[in-house]
Amino acid sequence: MTRPAKLMFAILVTATLASCGRESTPTGPSGQTSFLTGTWRGTVTIQVNPGDPNAPPPTTGDMTWTFDVIPETNMQSLRATIRSTHPWLTMETTGSTALSPGNSPPTQISTHGEFNSPRGCRGTFGSVGTAEATRIDADFTGTDCQLATFTGRVVLTKG
């Protein structure tokens, strides 16, 4: 072996051994991500006490949902932080979201949870619909103070 070849071989062996036993350093977040991860904004339209002869007409307000994947769930279970500035349903809460049958759009999305009602009690809500890559369209129903029910629709877009 020539002297330049021996030198090149020594450099390669040294470089290889110098990196032995070391793990690479992460360059970004290491959690699972989903097409849902992030903030979605849109509106919720609800009618309070539907079917009641004196029910008020449906009203609309702004709504924001932020999704985070729950680890080790095949990206099919997420935590949703929900904020509503709807005049009747002003709230901020956390809900549980599931995707079925898979974690790729389009897929069915369902979310449920509880919230602190502006009327001083705990309310419940549920939502089922379709999640596409940049749009969610779902029903939105619930109870409030066991005196009122509401039903409606939430439409959200990502971004």
N, C-alpha and C. Protein backbone atom coordinates (compact mmCIF):
# COMPACT_ATOMS: atom_id res chain seq x y z
N MET A 1 0.86 -1.16 0.00
CA MET A 1 0.00 0.00 0.00
C MET A 1 0.91 1.23 0.00
N THR A 2 0.56 2.20 -0.82
CA THR A 2 1.36 3.42 -0.90
C THR A 2 1.10 4.29 0.31
N ARG A 3 2.01 5.21 0.52
CA ARG A 3 1.87 6.10 1.68
C ARG A 3 0.58 6.92 1.61
N PRO A 4 0.19 7.54 0.48
CA PRO A 4 -1.08 8.27 0.42
C PRO A 4 -2.29 7.36 0.69
N ALA A 5 -2.23 6.11 0.21
CA ALA A 5 -3.34 5.19 0.45
C ALA A 5 -3.44 4.84 1.93
N LYS A 6 -2.27 4.62 2.59
CA LYS A 6 -2.27 4.34 4.03
C LYS A 6 -2.82 5.52 4.82
N LEU A 7 -2.45 6.74 4.42
CA LEU A 7 -2.94 7.94 5.09
C LEU A 7 -4.46 8.06 4.95
N MET A 8 -4.97 7.84 3.75
CA MET A 8 -6.42 7.91 3.50
C MET A 8 -7.14 6.85 4.33
N PHE A 9 -6.58 5.62 4.37
CA PHE A 9 -7.17 4.55 5.16
C PHE A 9 -7.20 4.92 6.64
N ALA A 10 -6.13 5.48 7.15
CA ALA A 10 -6.05 5.89 8.56
C ALA A 10 -7.08 6.97 8.87
N ILE A 11 -7.28 7.91 7.96
CA ILE A 11 -8.27 8.98 8.17
C ILE A 11 -9.68 8.39 8.22
N LEU A 12 -9.99 7.49 7.31
CA LEU A 12 -11.32 6.87 7.28
C LEU A 12 -11.58 6.04 8.55
N VAL A 13 -10.58 5.26 8.99
CA VAL A 13 -10.75 4.45 10.20
C VAL A 13 -10.93 5.36 11.41
N THR A 14 -10.14 6.42 11.51
CA THR A 14 -10.24 7.35 12.63
C THR A 14 -11.61 8.02 12.65
N ALA A 15 -12.09 8.46 11.50
CA ALA A 15 -13.40 9.12 11.43
C ALA A 15 -14.51 8.16 11.83
N THR A 16 -14.40 6.91 11.38
CA THR A 16 -15.42 5.91 11.72
C THR A 16 -15.42 5.62 13.21
N LEU A 17 -14.25 5.40 13.79
CA LEU A 17 -14.17 5.09 15.21
C LEU A 17 -14.54 6.28 16.08
N ALA A 18 -14.30 7.48 15.61
CA ALA A 18 -14.63 8.68 16.40
C ALA A 18 -16.13 8.81 16.60
N SER A 19 -16.91 8.29 15.68
CA SER A 19 -18.36 8.42 15.81
C SER A 19 -19.02 7.21 16.46
N CYS A 20 -18.25 6.19 16.80
CA CYS A 20 -18.81 4.99 17.44
C CYS A 20 -19.41 5.32 18.80
N GLY A 21 -20.57 4.74 19.08
CA GLY A 21 -21.18 4.89 20.39
C GLY A 21 -21.93 6.19 20.58
N ARG A 22 -21.94 7.02 19.58
CA ARG A 22 -22.66 8.28 19.70
C ARG A 22 -23.98 8.19 18.95
N GLU A 23 -25.00 8.81 19.54
CA GLU A 23 -26.29 8.88 18.87
C GLU A 23 -26.43 10.25 18.26
N SER A 24 -27.17 10.31 17.19
CA SER A 24 -27.37 11.61 16.56
C SER A 24 -28.26 12.47 17.45
N THR A 25 -28.10 13.75 17.33
CA THR A 25 -28.89 14.71 18.10
C THR A 25 -30.14 15.06 17.30
N PRO A 26 -31.33 15.04 17.92
CA PRO A 26 -32.54 15.40 17.19
C PRO A 26 -32.45 16.83 16.68
N THR A 27 -32.97 17.03 15.49
CA THR A 27 -32.97 18.37 14.91
C THR A 27 -34.34 19.02 14.99
N GLY A 28 -35.32 18.35 15.57
CA GLY A 28 -36.66 18.92 15.68
C GLY A 28 -37.48 18.09 16.64
N PRO A 29 -38.77 18.41 16.75
CA PRO A 29 -39.65 17.65 17.64
C PRO A 29 -39.69 16.19 17.22
N SER A 30 -39.78 15.30 18.21
CA SER A 30 -39.74 13.89 17.90
C SER A 30 -41.09 13.19 18.07
N GLY A 31 -42.16 13.91 18.37
CA GLY A 31 -43.47 13.30 18.54
C GLY A 31 -44.12 12.97 17.21
N GLN A 32 -45.17 12.15 17.28
CA GLN A 32 -45.92 11.82 16.08
C GLN A 32 -46.70 13.04 15.62
N THR A 33 -46.87 13.16 14.32
CA THR A 33 -47.70 14.24 13.80
C THR A 33 -48.80 13.64 12.93
N SER A 34 -49.86 14.37 12.83
CA SER A 34 -51.03 13.97 12.06
C SER A 34 -51.41 15.14 11.15
N PHE A 35 -52.17 14.85 10.11
CA PHE A 35 -52.66 15.94 9.28
C PHE A 35 -53.53 16.90 10.09
N LEU A 36 -54.08 16.43 11.22
CA LEU A 36 -54.89 17.29 12.08
C LEU A 36 -54.07 18.19 12.99
N THR A 37 -52.82 17.80 13.29
CA THR A 37 -52.00 18.55 14.24
C THR A 37 -51.95 20.02 13.85
N GLY A 38 -52.18 20.88 14.85
CA GLY A 38 -52.14 22.32 14.61
C GLY A 38 -53.49 22.95 14.88
N THR A 39 -53.63 24.20 14.43
CA THR A 39 -54.82 25.00 14.72
C THR A 39 -55.74 25.06 13.51
N TRP A 40 -57.03 24.86 13.78
CA TRP A 40 -58.09 24.92 12.78
C TRP A 40 -59.06 26.01 13.23
N ARG A 41 -59.51 26.84 12.29
CA ARG A 41 -60.42 27.95 12.64
C ARG A 41 -61.66 27.89 11.76
N GLY A 42 -62.76 28.36 12.34
CA GLY A 42 -63.99 28.40 11.58
C GLY A 42 -65.13 28.91 12.42
N THR A 43 -66.31 28.35 12.15
CA THR A 43 -67.52 28.80 12.84
C THR A 43 -68.32 27.61 13.36
N VAL A 44 -69.11 27.92 14.37
CA VAL A 44 -70.09 26.97 14.87
C VAL A 44 -71.45 27.67 14.78
N THR A 45 -72.43 26.96 14.24
CA THR A 45 -73.80 27.46 14.18
C THR A 45 -74.64 26.51 15.03
N ILE A 46 -75.32 27.06 16.03
CA ILE A 46 -76.13 26.21 16.91
C ILE A 46 -77.52 26.79 17.10
N GLN A 47 -78.43 25.88 17.41
CA GLN A 47 -79.77 26.27 17.84
C GLN A 47 -79.96 25.72 19.24
N VAL A 48 -80.39 26.58 20.13
CA VAL A 48 -80.64 26.20 21.52
C VAL A 48 -82.06 25.66 21.62
N ASN A 49 -82.21 24.54 22.31
CA ASN A 49 -83.51 23.88 22.51
C ASN A 49 -84.28 23.68 21.20
N PRO A 50 -83.66 22.99 20.24
CA PRO A 50 -84.38 22.74 18.99
C PRO A 50 -85.64 21.94 19.26
N GLY A 51 -86.68 22.21 18.52
CA GLY A 51 -87.95 21.53 18.73
C GLY A 51 -88.87 22.24 19.70
N ASP A 52 -88.33 23.11 20.52
CA ASP A 52 -89.14 23.92 21.44
C ASP A 52 -89.87 24.98 20.61
N PRO A 53 -91.17 25.16 20.82
CA PRO A 53 -91.90 26.15 20.02
C PRO A 53 -91.36 27.57 20.19
N ASN A 54 -90.72 27.86 21.31
CA ASN A 54 -90.17 29.19 21.54
C ASN A 54 -88.65 29.24 21.38
N ALA A 55 -88.09 28.26 20.68
CA ALA A 55 -86.63 28.22 20.52
C ALA A 55 -86.15 29.42 19.72
N PRO A 56 -85.03 30.00 20.13
CA PRO A 56 -84.48 31.11 19.36
C PRO A 56 -83.95 30.60 18.02
N PRO A 57 -83.77 31.48 17.05
CA PRO A 57 -83.22 31.05 15.76
C PRO A 57 -81.75 30.64 15.92
N PRO A 58 -81.24 29.85 14.99
CA PRO A 58 -79.82 29.48 15.05
C PRO A 58 -78.93 30.72 15.00
N THR A 59 -77.80 30.65 15.71
CA THR A 59 -76.82 31.74 15.71
C THR A 59 -75.43 31.16 15.45
N THR A 60 -74.54 32.02 14.98
CA THR A 60 -73.20 31.60 14.57
C THR A 60 -72.14 32.37 15.34
N GLY A 61 -71.04 31.70 15.65
CA GLY A 61 -69.90 32.34 16.31
C GLY A 61 -68.60 31.69 15.88
N ASP A 62 -67.51 32.33 16.21
CA ASP A 62 -66.19 31.81 15.86
C ASP A 62 -65.78 30.67 16.77
N MET A 63 -65.02 29.73 16.19
CA MET A 63 -64.54 28.59 16.96
C MET A 63 -63.14 28.24 16.47
N THR A 64 -62.26 27.85 17.41
CA THR A 64 -60.89 27.42 17.10
C THR A 64 -60.63 26.09 17.79
N TRP A 65 -60.10 25.14 17.05
CA TRP A 65 -59.71 23.84 17.60
C TRP A 65 -58.22 23.65 17.33
N THR A 66 -57.47 23.23 18.35
CA THR A 66 -56.05 22.91 18.19
C THR A 66 -55.85 21.46 18.59
N PHE A 67 -55.29 20.67 17.67
CA PHE A 67 -55.14 19.23 17.88
C PHE A 67 -53.69 18.86 18.20
N ASP A 68 -53.53 17.94 19.16
CA ASP A 68 -52.24 17.34 19.50
C ASP A 68 -52.42 15.83 19.55
N VAL A 69 -51.52 15.09 18.92
CA VAL A 69 -51.58 13.63 18.90
C VAL A 69 -51.28 13.07 20.28
N ILE A 70 -52.04 12.08 20.70
CA ILE A 70 -51.74 11.33 21.92
C ILE A 70 -50.76 10.24 21.51
N PRO A 71 -49.57 10.18 22.12
CA PRO A 71 -48.54 9.22 21.70
C PRO A 71 -49.03 7.78 21.73
N GLU A 72 -48.46 6.98 20.85
CA GLU A 72 -48.69 5.54 20.77
C GLU A 72 -50.15 5.18 20.50
N THR A 73 -50.82 5.98 19.68
CA THR A 73 -52.21 5.69 19.33
C THR A 73 -52.39 5.58 17.82
N ASN A 74 -51.31 5.34 17.08
CA ASN A 74 -51.37 5.25 15.63
C ASN A 74 -51.94 6.53 15.02
N MET A 75 -51.75 7.64 15.70
CA MET A 75 -52.22 8.96 15.26
C MET A 75 -53.73 8.99 15.03
N GLN A 76 -54.47 8.13 15.75
CA GLN A 76 -55.92 8.12 15.64
C GLN A 76 -56.61 8.68 16.87
N SER A 77 -55.87 8.99 17.92
CA SER A 77 -56.43 9.62 19.12
C SER A 77 -55.69 10.93 19.34
N LEU A 78 -56.46 11.99 19.51
CA LEU A 78 -55.87 13.32 19.68
C LEU A 78 -56.55 14.06 20.81
N ARG A 79 -55.88 15.06 21.31
CA ARG A 79 -56.45 15.97 22.30
C ARG A 79 -56.80 17.25 21.54
N ALA A 80 -58.01 17.73 21.72
CA ALA A 80 -58.45 18.95 21.05
C ALA A 80 -58.67 20.04 22.09
N THR A 81 -57.97 21.15 21.93
CA THR A 81 -58.23 22.34 22.75
C THR A 81 -59.21 23.19 21.95
N ILE A 82 -60.36 23.46 22.54
CA ILE A 82 -61.46 24.11 21.81
C ILE A 82 -61.77 25.45 22.45
N ARG A 83 -61.85 26.48 21.61
CA ARG A 83 -62.23 27.82 22.07
C ARG A 83 -63.40 28.29 21.21
N SER A 84 -64.44 28.76 21.88
CA SER A 84 -65.61 29.28 21.20
C SER A 84 -65.91 30.68 21.70
N THR A 85 -66.18 31.59 20.76
CA THR A 85 -66.64 32.93 21.12
C THR A 85 -68.08 33.13 20.68
N HIS A 86 -68.77 32.02 20.46
CA HIS A 86 -70.20 32.07 20.13
C HIS A 86 -70.92 32.81 21.27
N PRO A 87 -71.86 33.70 20.96
CA PRO A 87 -72.51 34.49 22.03
C PRO A 87 -73.18 33.64 23.11
N TRP A 88 -73.75 32.50 22.76
CA TRP A 88 -74.42 31.67 23.75
C TRP A 88 -73.48 30.61 24.33
N LEU A 89 -72.43 30.26 23.61
CA LEU A 89 -71.57 29.14 23.99
C LEU A 89 -70.10 29.59 24.09
N THR A 90 -69.85 30.66 24.83
CA THR A 90 -68.47 31.11 25.04
C THR A 90 -67.79 30.14 25.99
N MET A 91 -66.69 29.52 25.53
CA MET A 91 -66.02 28.52 26.36
C MET A 91 -64.61 28.27 25.87
N GLU A 92 -63.83 27.65 26.75
CA GLU A 92 -62.52 27.08 26.40
C GLU A 92 -62.41 25.78 27.15
N THR A 93 -62.14 24.70 26.42
CA THR A 93 -62.11 23.37 27.05
C THR A 93 -61.20 22.44 26.26
N THR A 94 -61.09 21.23 26.75
CA THR A 94 -60.32 20.18 26.07
C THR A 94 -61.25 19.01 25.80
N GLY A 95 -61.15 18.45 24.60
CA GLY A 95 -61.96 17.29 24.24
C GLY A 95 -61.09 16.14 23.76
N SER A 96 -61.69 14.97 23.67
CA SER A 96 -61.01 13.78 23.15
C SER A 96 -61.49 13.53 21.74
N THR A 97 -60.54 13.37 20.82
CA THR A 97 -60.86 13.18 19.41
C THR A 97 -60.36 11.82 18.94
N ALA A 98 -61.19 11.15 18.12
CA ALA A 98 -60.80 9.87 17.53
C ALA A 98 -61.04 9.93 16.02
N LEU A 99 -60.14 9.31 15.27
CA LEU A 99 -60.28 9.19 13.82
C LEU A 99 -60.57 7.74 13.49
N SER A 100 -61.50 7.51 12.53
CA SER A 100 -61.85 6.15 12.16
C SER A 100 -62.34 6.15 10.71
N PRO A 101 -61.99 5.24 9.88
CA PRO A 101 -61.28 4.00 10.18
C PRO A 101 -59.76 4.14 10.16
N GLY A 102 -59.23 5.27 9.70
CA GLY A 102 -57.78 5.41 9.63
C GLY A 102 -57.35 6.81 10.02
N ASN A 103 -56.03 7.05 9.91
CA ASN A 103 -55.49 8.34 10.32
C ASN A 103 -55.14 9.25 9.15
N SER A 104 -55.61 8.90 7.94
CA SER A 104 -55.36 9.72 6.76
C SER A 104 -56.68 10.29 6.25
N PRO A 105 -56.64 11.51 5.70
CA PRO A 105 -57.87 12.10 5.18
C PRO A 105 -58.27 11.47 3.85
N PRO A 106 -59.55 11.47 3.50
CA PRO A 106 -60.67 11.84 4.38
C PRO A 106 -60.98 10.70 5.34
N THR A 107 -61.41 11.05 6.53
CA THR A 107 -61.74 10.06 7.54
C THR A 107 -62.81 10.62 8.47
N GLN A 108 -63.47 9.74 9.19
CA GLN A 108 -64.48 10.18 10.15
C GLN A 108 -63.77 10.70 11.40
N ILE A 109 -64.31 11.81 11.95
CA ILE A 109 -63.76 12.40 13.16
C ILE A 109 -64.88 12.49 14.20
N SER A 110 -64.56 12.12 15.42
CA SER A 110 -65.53 12.30 16.51
C SER A 110 -64.80 12.91 17.70
N THR A 111 -65.46 13.86 18.34
CA THR A 111 -64.88 14.56 19.49
C THR A 111 -65.95 14.69 20.55
N HIS A 112 -65.57 14.52 21.80
CA HIS A 112 -66.52 14.70 22.90
C HIS A 112 -65.79 15.29 24.10
N GLY A 113 -66.57 15.89 24.99
CA GLY A 113 -65.97 16.45 26.19
C GLY A 113 -66.97 17.21 27.03
N GLU A 114 -66.45 17.93 28.00
CA GLU A 114 -67.25 18.76 28.91
C GLU A 114 -66.69 20.17 28.87
N PHE A 115 -67.51 21.12 29.33
CA PHE A 115 -67.07 22.52 29.36
C PHE A 115 -67.72 23.23 30.53
N ASN A 116 -67.07 24.30 30.97
CA ASN A 116 -67.67 25.18 31.98
C ASN A 116 -68.60 26.13 31.26
N SER A 117 -69.88 26.01 31.55
CA SER A 117 -70.88 26.83 30.88
C SER A 117 -70.84 28.27 31.38
N PRO A 118 -71.12 29.22 30.50
CA PRO A 118 -71.26 30.61 30.94
C PRO A 118 -72.44 30.79 31.91
N ARG A 119 -73.31 29.78 32.01
CA ARG A 119 -74.45 29.84 32.91
C ARG A 119 -74.17 29.19 34.26
N GLY A 120 -72.90 28.85 34.53
CA GLY A 120 -72.50 28.40 35.86
C GLY A 120 -72.60 26.92 36.13
N CYS A 121 -72.56 26.07 35.15
CA CYS A 121 -72.62 24.63 35.36
C CYS A 121 -71.61 23.95 34.44
N ARG A 122 -71.63 22.61 34.44
CA ARG A 122 -70.83 21.84 33.48
C ARG A 122 -71.74 21.37 32.37
N GLY A 123 -71.33 21.63 31.15
CA GLY A 123 -72.06 21.15 29.99
C GLY A 123 -71.28 20.03 29.32
N THR A 124 -71.94 19.33 28.41
CA THR A 124 -71.30 18.28 27.63
C THR A 124 -71.50 18.56 26.15
N PHE A 125 -70.59 18.06 25.33
CA PHE A 125 -70.74 18.22 23.88
C PHE A 125 -70.22 16.98 23.17
N GLY A 126 -70.70 16.80 21.96
CA GLY A 126 -70.22 15.74 21.08
C GLY A 126 -70.27 16.22 19.65
N SER A 127 -69.39 15.69 18.83
CA SER A 127 -69.30 16.11 17.44
C SER A 127 -68.85 14.94 16.60
N VAL A 128 -69.53 14.71 15.47
CA VAL A 128 -69.16 13.65 14.53
C VAL A 128 -69.26 14.21 13.13
N GLY A 129 -68.25 13.92 12.32
CA GLY A 129 -68.28 14.41 10.95
C GLY A 129 -67.12 13.86 10.14
N THR A 130 -66.71 14.64 9.13
CA THR A 130 -65.65 14.24 8.22
C THR A 130 -64.48 15.20 8.32
N ALA A 131 -63.28 14.64 8.42
CA ALA A 131 -62.05 15.44 8.42
C ALA A 131 -61.34 15.20 7.09
N GLU A 132 -61.18 16.26 6.33
CA GLU A 132 -60.41 16.22 5.10
C GLU A 132 -59.06 16.87 5.38
N ALA A 133 -58.19 16.93 4.41
CA ALA A 133 -56.83 17.44 4.62
C ALA A 133 -56.81 18.86 5.18
N THR A 134 -57.76 19.70 4.76
CA THR A 134 -57.76 21.09 5.22
C THR A 134 -59.13 21.57 5.68
N ARG A 135 -60.09 20.66 5.85
CA ARG A 135 -61.45 21.07 6.23
C ARG A 135 -62.09 20.00 7.11
N ILE A 136 -62.77 20.46 8.16
CA ILE A 136 -63.58 19.60 9.02
C ILE A 136 -65.01 20.11 8.94
N ASP A 137 -65.95 19.20 8.71
CA ASP A 137 -67.37 19.52 8.68
C ASP A 137 -68.06 18.48 9.55
N ALA A 138 -68.66 18.94 10.66
CA ALA A 138 -69.21 17.98 11.63
C ALA A 138 -70.41 18.57 12.34
N ASP A 139 -71.26 17.69 12.86
CA ASP A 139 -72.34 18.17 13.72
C ASP A 139 -71.73 18.60 15.06
N PHE A 140 -72.50 19.33 15.85
CA PHE A 140 -72.02 19.79 17.16
C PHE A 140 -73.24 19.87 18.05
N THR A 141 -73.36 18.95 19.01
CA THR A 141 -74.53 18.88 19.86
C THR A 141 -74.11 18.80 21.32
N GLY A 142 -75.04 19.14 22.22
CA GLY A 142 -74.69 19.03 23.62
C GLY A 142 -75.82 19.42 24.55
N THR A 143 -75.47 19.40 25.83
CA THR A 143 -76.40 19.82 26.88
C THR A 143 -75.72 20.91 27.70
N ASP A 144 -76.53 21.73 28.32
CA ASP A 144 -76.01 22.84 29.12
C ASP A 144 -76.89 22.98 30.36
N CYS A 145 -76.30 22.80 31.51
CA CYS A 145 -77.00 22.96 32.80
C CYS A 145 -78.23 22.07 32.92
N GLN A 146 -78.31 21.02 32.17
CA GLN A 146 -79.44 20.10 32.17
C GLN A 146 -80.76 20.81 31.94
N LEU A 147 -80.71 22.06 31.54
CA LEU A 147 -81.93 22.80 31.23
C LEU A 147 -82.05 23.06 29.74
N ALA A 148 -80.94 23.00 29.05
CA ALA A 148 -80.94 23.33 27.63
C ALA A 148 -80.14 22.30 26.85
N THR A 149 -80.56 22.10 25.63
CA THR A 149 -79.78 21.31 24.68
C THR A 149 -79.46 22.22 23.51
N PHE A 150 -78.46 21.83 22.76
CA PHE A 150 -78.15 22.59 21.55
C PHE A 150 -77.71 21.62 20.47
N THR A 151 -77.94 22.01 19.25
CA THR A 151 -77.53 21.21 18.10
C THR A 151 -77.12 22.15 16.99
N GLY A 152 -76.18 21.70 16.20
CA GLY A 152 -75.72 22.56 15.12
C GLY A 152 -74.61 21.93 14.32
N ARG A 153 -73.76 22.80 13.77
CA ARG A 153 -72.72 22.37 12.85
C ARG A 153 -71.47 23.19 13.09
N VAL A 154 -70.31 22.53 13.01
CA VAL A 154 -69.02 23.23 13.07
C VAL A 154 -68.30 22.97 11.74
N VAL A 155 -67.76 24.06 11.18
CA VAL A 155 -66.97 23.97 9.95
C VAL A 155 -65.65 24.68 10.22
N LEU A 156 -64.55 23.94 10.06
CA LEU A 156 -63.22 24.46 10.36
C LEU A 156 -62.29 24.25 9.18
N THR A 157 -61.33 25.17 9.02
CA THR A 157 -60.28 25.00 8.02
C THR A 157 -58.93 25.15 8.70
N LYS A 158 -57.95 24.46 8.16
CA LYS A 158 -56.62 24.49 8.77
C LYS A 158 -55.85 25.72 8.33
N GLY A 159 -55.14 26.30 9.31
CA GLY A 159 -54.28 27.43 8.97
C GLY A 159 -54.48 28.64 9.80
